[in-house]
Amino acid sequence: MPANSTAPATSTTSRVTKARIAQALRRDTILAKPGQLQPKWRIIDAEGIPLGRLAAEVAIVLMGKHRPEYTPHVISGDKVIVTNARKVGLTGRKAQQRMKLRYTGYPGGQRAESYGQVRDRKPEKLISDAVRRMLPKNRLSRVMLKNLMVYGDATHEHAAHNPETLTVS
């Protein structure tokens, strides 16, 4: 071969093979271990947001399903602060018609009050119960629920954590 002709490059660094492409495009499944993921702090303003929508979004964040590192058997969710719980929306006539039942433990001790009364008296209970029912029914749900902080008005004591705002669509 003449010296001035161009020969194809045969070095292994410039050759593109199917194996190298597959290795570059490979995605590994992340399986988080307990304590490996650091939770972020999220804040959400509940004013005017329907209760079910709010609870569904908060439950997803508490479980960690919004993260690519989601692992079902590990606490991989974030800590959530809900403010303005007194102003949460109840669509239709749910404030008057839907009842929250509880039982005192004595005969004839079933008590019922409407969601509107619960929202006025103890709005934290209304939101935490709605979120609790949307979490998985296992031991981790009790730990996940401890990462939820609900406040009836706009003030909270977690400003030092610099929480990111969470929007509900």
C-alpha atoms as a PDB file:
ATOM      1  CA  MET A   1       0.000   0.000   0.000  1.00  0.00           C
ATOM      2  CA  PRO A   2       1.300   3.478  -0.762  1.00  0.00           C
ATOM      3  CA  ALA A   3       2.282   5.647   2.178  1.00  0.00           C
ATOM      4  CA  ASN A   4      -0.056   8.522   1.262  1.00  0.00           C
ATOM      5  CA  SER A   5      -3.257   6.454   1.110  1.00  0.00           C
ATOM      6  CA  THR A   6      -5.691   6.568   3.975  1.00  0.00           C
ATOM      7  CA  ALA A   7      -6.168   3.290   5.721  1.00  0.00           C
ATOM      8  CA  PRO A   8      -9.163   2.604   7.949  1.00  0.00           C
ATOM      9  CA  ALA A   9      -8.505   3.061  11.624  1.00  0.00           C
ATOM     10  CA  THR A  10      -8.169  -0.244  13.395  1.00  0.00           C
ATOM     11  CA  SER A  11      -7.499   0.878  16.926  1.00  0.00           C
ATOM     12  CA  THR A  12      -9.913  -0.368  19.552  1.00  0.00           C
ATOM     13  CA  THR A  13     -10.559   3.129  20.934  1.00  0.00           C
ATOM     14  CA  SER A  14     -12.082   4.491  17.755  1.00  0.00           C
ATOM     15  CA  ARG A  15     -14.088   1.428  16.809  1.00  0.00           C
ATOM     16  CA  VAL A  16     -17.753   1.527  17.789  1.00  0.00           C
ATOM     17  CA  THR A  17     -19.178  -1.868  18.581  1.00  0.00           C
ATOM     18  CA  LYS A  18     -22.587  -3.025  19.650  1.00  0.00           C
ATOM     19  CA  ALA A  19     -21.201  -4.019  23.035  1.00  0.00           C
ATOM     20  CA  ARG A  20     -19.855  -0.518  23.680  1.00  0.00           C
ATOM     21  CA  ILE A  21     -23.139   1.088  22.661  1.00  0.00           C
ATOM     22  CA  ALA A  22     -25.058  -1.275  24.949  1.00  0.00           C
ATOM     23  CA  GLN A  23     -22.674  -0.537  27.796  1.00  0.00           C
ATOM     24  CA  ALA A  24     -23.086   3.220  27.295  1.00  0.00           C
ATOM     25  CA  LEU A  25     -26.883   2.947  27.252  1.00  0.00           C
ATOM     26  CA  ARG A  26     -27.156   0.509  30.161  1.00  0.00           C
ATOM     27  CA  ARG A  27     -29.292   1.573  33.068  1.00  0.00           C
ATOM     28  CA  ASP A  28     -28.908  -0.119  36.384  1.00  0.00           C
ATOM     29  CA  THR A  29     -31.820  -0.684  38.710  1.00  0.00           C
ATOM     30  CA  ILE A  30     -31.243   1.211  41.924  1.00  0.00           C
ATOM     31  CA  LEU A  31     -32.068  -0.741  45.052  1.00  0.00           C
ATOM     32  CA  ALA A  32     -31.735   1.647  47.981  1.00  0.00           C
ATOM     33  CA  LYS A  33     -30.715   0.480  51.411  1.00  0.00           C
ATOM     34  CA  PRO A  34     -32.112   1.886  54.664  1.00  0.00           C
ATOM     35  CA  GLY A  35     -30.474   5.190  55.526  1.00  0.00           C
ATOM     36  CA  GLN A  36     -28.931   5.610  52.081  1.00  0.00           C
ATOM     37  CA  LEU A  37     -31.402   8.225  50.773  1.00  0.00           C
ATOM     38  CA  GLN A  38     -31.556  11.636  52.399  1.00  0.00           C
ATOM     39  CA  PRO A  39     -35.077  13.108  52.607  1.00  0.00           C
ATOM     40  CA  LYS A  40     -35.819  16.577  51.302  1.00  0.00           C
ATOM     41  CA  TRP A  41     -38.297  18.931  52.911  1.00  0.00           C
ATOM     42  CA  ARG A  42     -41.376  19.919  50.893  1.00  0.00           C
ATOM     43  CA  ILE A  43     -44.056  22.472  51.768  1.00  0.00           C
ATOM     44  CA  ILE A  44     -47.539  22.740  50.334  1.00  0.00           C
ATOM     45  CA  ASP A  45     -50.206  25.364  50.859  1.00  0.00           C
ATOM     46  CA  ALA A  46     -53.569  23.586  51.159  1.00  0.00           C
ATOM     47  CA  GLU A  47     -55.709  26.679  50.615  1.00  0.00           C
ATOM     48  CA  GLY A  48     -58.441  25.908  48.085  1.00  0.00           C
ATOM     49  CA  ILE A  49     -57.033  22.501  47.073  1.00  0.00           C
ATOM     50  CA  PRO A  50     -59.562  19.639  47.223  1.00  0.00           C
ATOM     51  CA  LEU A  51     -58.850  17.240  50.089  1.00  0.00           C
ATOM     52  CA  GLY A  52     -58.494  14.118  47.928  1.00  0.00           C
ATOM     53  CA  ARG A  53     -56.103  15.721  45.459  1.00  0.00           C
ATOM     54  CA  LEU A  54     -53.980  17.072  48.267  1.00  0.00           C
ATOM     55  CA  ALA A  55     -53.885  13.721  50.088  1.00  0.00           C
ATOM     56  CA  ALA A  56     -52.972  11.790  46.926  1.00  0.00           C
ATOM     57  CA  GLU A  57     -50.080  14.103  46.081  1.00  0.00           C
ATOM     58  CA  VAL A  58     -48.772  14.121  49.651  1.00  0.00           C
ATOM     59  CA  ALA A  59     -49.002  10.306  49.879  1.00  0.00           C
ATOM     60  CA  ILE A  60     -46.927   9.910  46.693  1.00  0.00           C
ATOM     61  CA  VAL A  61     -44.216  12.195  48.085  1.00  0.00           C
ATOM     62  CA  LEU A  62     -44.236  10.474  51.492  1.00  0.00           C
ATOM     63  CA  MET A  63     -43.849   7.042  49.853  1.00  0.00           C
ATOM     64  CA  GLY A  64     -41.077   8.308  47.578  1.00  0.00           C
ATOM     65  CA  LYS A  65     -42.739   7.316  44.314  1.00  0.00           C
ATOM     66  CA  HIS A  66     -41.763  10.656  42.805  1.00  0.00           C
ATOM     67  CA  ARG A  67     -38.058   9.705  42.958  1.00  0.00           C
ATOM     68  CA  PRO A  68     -36.219   7.438  40.522  1.00  0.00           C
ATOM     69  CA  GLU A  69     -34.613   5.684  43.518  1.00  0.00           C
ATOM     70  CA  TYR A  70     -37.997   4.487  44.837  1.00  0.00           C
ATOM     71  CA  THR A  71     -37.657   1.238  46.738  1.00  0.00           C
ATOM     72  CA  PRO A  72     -40.848  -0.228  48.229  1.00  0.00           C
ATOM     73  CA  HIS A  73     -39.307  -1.707  51.386  1.00  0.00           C
ATOM     74  CA  VAL A  74     -37.251   1.391  52.334  1.00  0.00           C
ATOM     75  CA  ILE A  75     -38.349   4.818  53.548  1.00  0.00           C
ATOM     76  CA  SER A  76     -37.400   6.757  50.424  1.00  0.00           C
ATOM     77  CA  GLY A  77     -39.899   9.610  50.680  1.00  0.00           C
ATOM     78  CA  ASP A  78     -39.533  13.228  51.674  1.00  0.00           C
ATOM     79  CA  LYS A  79     -40.795  15.160  54.675  1.00  0.00           C
ATOM     80  CA  VAL A  80     -43.936  17.175  53.895  1.00  0.00           C
ATOM     81  CA  ILE A  81     -45.271  20.293  55.607  1.00  0.00           C
ATOM     82  CA  VAL A  82     -48.914  21.187  54.932  1.00  0.00           C
ATOM     83  CA  THR A  83     -50.011  24.719  55.837  1.00  0.00           C
ATOM     84  CA  ASN A  84     -53.444  26.408  55.819  1.00  0.00           C
ATOM     85  CA  ALA A  85     -55.225  23.149  56.617  1.00  0.00           C
ATOM     86  CA  ARG A  86     -58.310  25.097  57.752  1.00  0.00           C
ATOM     87  CA  LYS A  87     -58.791  26.328  54.197  1.00  0.00           C
ATOM     88  CA  VAL A  88     -58.620  22.945  52.457  1.00  0.00           C
ATOM     89  CA  GLY A  89     -61.326  22.517  49.843  1.00  0.00           C
ATOM     90  CA  LEU A  90     -64.238  20.145  50.187  1.00  0.00           C
ATOM     91  CA  THR A  91     -66.132  19.915  46.897  1.00  0.00           C
ATOM     92  CA  GLY A  92     -69.881  19.692  46.610  1.00  0.00           C
ATOM     93  CA  ARG A  93     -71.739  19.253  49.895  1.00  0.00           C
ATOM     94  CA  LYS A  94     -69.118  17.038  51.506  1.00  0.00           C
ATOM     95  CA  ALA A  95     -68.623  19.543  54.318  1.00  0.00           C
ATOM     96  CA  GLN A  96     -72.201  18.916  55.473  1.00  0.00           C
ATOM     97  CA  GLN A  97     -72.968  15.385  54.266  1.00  0.00           C
ATOM     98  CA  ARG A  98     -69.823  13.306  54.725  1.00  0.00           C
ATOM     99  CA  MET A  99     -69.371  12.115  58.297  1.00  0.00           C
ATOM    100  CA  LYS A 100     -66.270  11.219  60.265  1.00  0.00           C
ATOM    101  CA  LEU A 101     -67.058   8.366  62.632  1.00  0.00           C
ATOM    102  CA  ARG A 102     -65.208   7.449  65.797  1.00  0.00           C
ATOM    103  CA  TYR A 103     -65.939   5.162  68.681  1.00  0.00           C
ATOM    104  CA  THR A 104     -65.278   5.859  72.353  1.00  0.00           C
ATOM    105  CA  GLY A 105     -65.004   2.207  73.358  1.00  0.00           C
ATOM    106  CA  TYR A 106     -68.202   2.178  75.444  1.00  0.00           C
ATOM    107  CA  PRO A 107     -71.630   0.809  74.486  1.00  0.00           C
ATOM    108  CA  GLY A 108     -73.477   3.415  72.484  1.00  0.00           C
ATOM    109  CA  GLY A 109     -70.283   5.425  72.154  1.00  0.00           C
ATOM    110  CA  GLN A 110     -70.240   5.956  68.396  1.00  0.00           C
ATOM    111  CA  ARG A 111     -69.722   9.635  67.623  1.00  0.00           C
ATOM    112  CA  ALA A 112     -70.217  11.273  64.246  1.00  0.00           C
ATOM    113  CA  GLU A 113     -69.394  14.761  63.048  1.00  0.00           C
ATOM    114  CA  SER A 114     -69.359  16.240  59.567  1.00  0.00           C
ATOM    115  CA  TYR A 115     -66.160  16.944  57.654  1.00  0.00           C
ATOM    116  CA  GLY A 116     -66.925  20.654  57.922  1.00  0.00           C
ATOM    117  CA  GLN A 117     -67.005  20.443  61.711  1.00  0.00           C
ATOM    118  CA  VAL A 118     -63.769  18.458  61.766  1.00  0.00           C
ATOM    119  CA  ARG A 119     -62.141  21.013  59.447  1.00  0.00           C
ATOM    120  CA  ASP A 120     -63.112  23.821  61.805  1.00  0.00           C
ATOM    121  CA  ARG A 121     -62.256  22.026  65.040  1.00  0.00           C
ATOM    122  CA  LYS A 122     -59.171  19.959  64.142  1.00  0.00           C
ATOM    123  CA  PRO A 123     -58.043  20.352  60.494  1.00  0.00           C
ATOM    124  CA  GLU A 124     -54.788  18.464  61.115  1.00  0.00           C
ATOM    125  CA  LYS A 125     -56.760  15.287  61.829  1.00  0.00           C
ATOM    126  CA  LEU A 126     -58.789  15.623  58.623  1.00  0.00           C
ATOM    127  CA  ILE A 127     -55.730  15.846  56.367  1.00  0.00           C
ATOM    128  CA  SER A 128     -53.603  13.286  58.195  1.00  0.00           C
ATOM    129  CA  ASP A 129     -56.440  10.724  58.091  1.00  0.00           C
ATOM    130  CA  ALA A 130     -56.941  11.279  54.352  1.00  0.00           C
ATOM    131  CA  VAL A 131     -53.211  10.826  53.714  1.00  0.00           C
ATOM    132  CA  ARG A 132     -52.990   7.799  56.044  1.00  0.00           C
ATOM    133  CA  ARG A 133     -55.697   5.998  54.062  1.00  0.00           C
ATOM    134  CA  MET A 134     -53.722   6.517  50.823  1.00  0.00           C
ATOM    135  CA  LEU A 135     -50.485   5.067  52.179  1.00  0.00           C
ATOM    136  CA  PRO A 136     -49.734   1.338  51.915  1.00  0.00           C
ATOM    137  CA  LYS A 137     -51.221  -0.833  54.625  1.00  0.00           C
ATOM    138  CA  ASN A 138     -48.009  -2.054  56.245  1.00  0.00           C
ATOM    139  CA  ARG A 139     -45.548  -1.203  59.013  1.00  0.00           C
ATOM    140  CA  LEU A 140     -43.734   1.406  56.935  1.00  0.00           C
ATOM    141  CA  SER A 141     -46.864   3.542  56.626  1.00  0.00           C
ATOM    142  CA  ARG A 142     -46.671   4.457  60.308  1.00  0.00           C
ATOM    143  CA  VAL A 143     -43.113   5.671  59.829  1.00  0.00           C
ATOM    144  CA  MET A 144     -44.053   7.518  56.627  1.00  0.00           C
ATOM    145  CA  LEU A 145     -46.888   9.294  58.410  1.00  0.00           C
ATOM    146  CA  LYS A 146     -44.426  10.663  60.970  1.00  0.00           C
ATOM    147  CA  ASN A 147     -42.827  12.601  58.094  1.00  0.00           C
ATOM    148  CA  LEU A 148     -46.055  14.595  57.631  1.00  0.00           C
ATOM    149  CA  MET A 149     -46.500  17.855  59.532  1.00  0.00           C
ATOM    150  CA  VAL A 150     -49.882  19.603  59.229  1.00  0.00           C
ATOM    151  CA  TYR A 151     -50.608  23.135  60.455  1.00  0.00           C
ATOM    152  CA  GLY A 152     -53.979  24.873  60.520  1.00  0.00           C
ATOM    153  CA  ASP A 153     -52.632  28.290  59.562  1.00  0.00           C
ATOM    154  CA  ALA A 154     -49.781  29.615  57.396  1.00  0.00           C
ATOM    155  CA  THR A 155     -47.096  29.565  60.098  1.00  0.00           C
ATOM    156  CA  HIS A 156     -44.839  26.601  60.776  1.00  0.00           C
ATOM    157  CA  GLU A 157     -41.622  25.990  62.676  1.00  0.00           C
ATOM    158  CA  HIS A 158     -39.593  24.258  59.956  1.00  0.00           C
ATOM    159  CA  ALA A 159     -38.293  27.291  58.059  1.00  0.00           C
ATOM    160  CA  ALA A 160     -34.696  26.406  58.954  1.00  0.00           C
ATOM    161  CA  HIS A 161     -34.900  23.345  56.663  1.00  0.00           C
ATOM    162  CA  ASN A 162     -35.522  25.548  53.584  1.00  0.00           C
ATOM    163  CA  PRO A 163     -38.412  23.441  52.234  1.00  0.00           C
ATOM    164  CA  GLU A 164     -39.129  23.370  48.505  1.00  0.00           C
ATOM    165  CA  THR A 165     -42.658  24.228  47.413  1.00  0.00           C
ATOM    166  CA  LEU A 166     -44.777  21.374  46.183  1.00  0.00           C
ATOM    167  CA  THR A 167     -47.482  22.095  43.635  1.00  0.00           C
ATOM    168  CA  VAL A 168     -50.660  20.108  43.189  1.00  0.00           C
ATOM    169  CA  SER A 169     -51.947  19.797  39.647  1.00  0.00           C
END
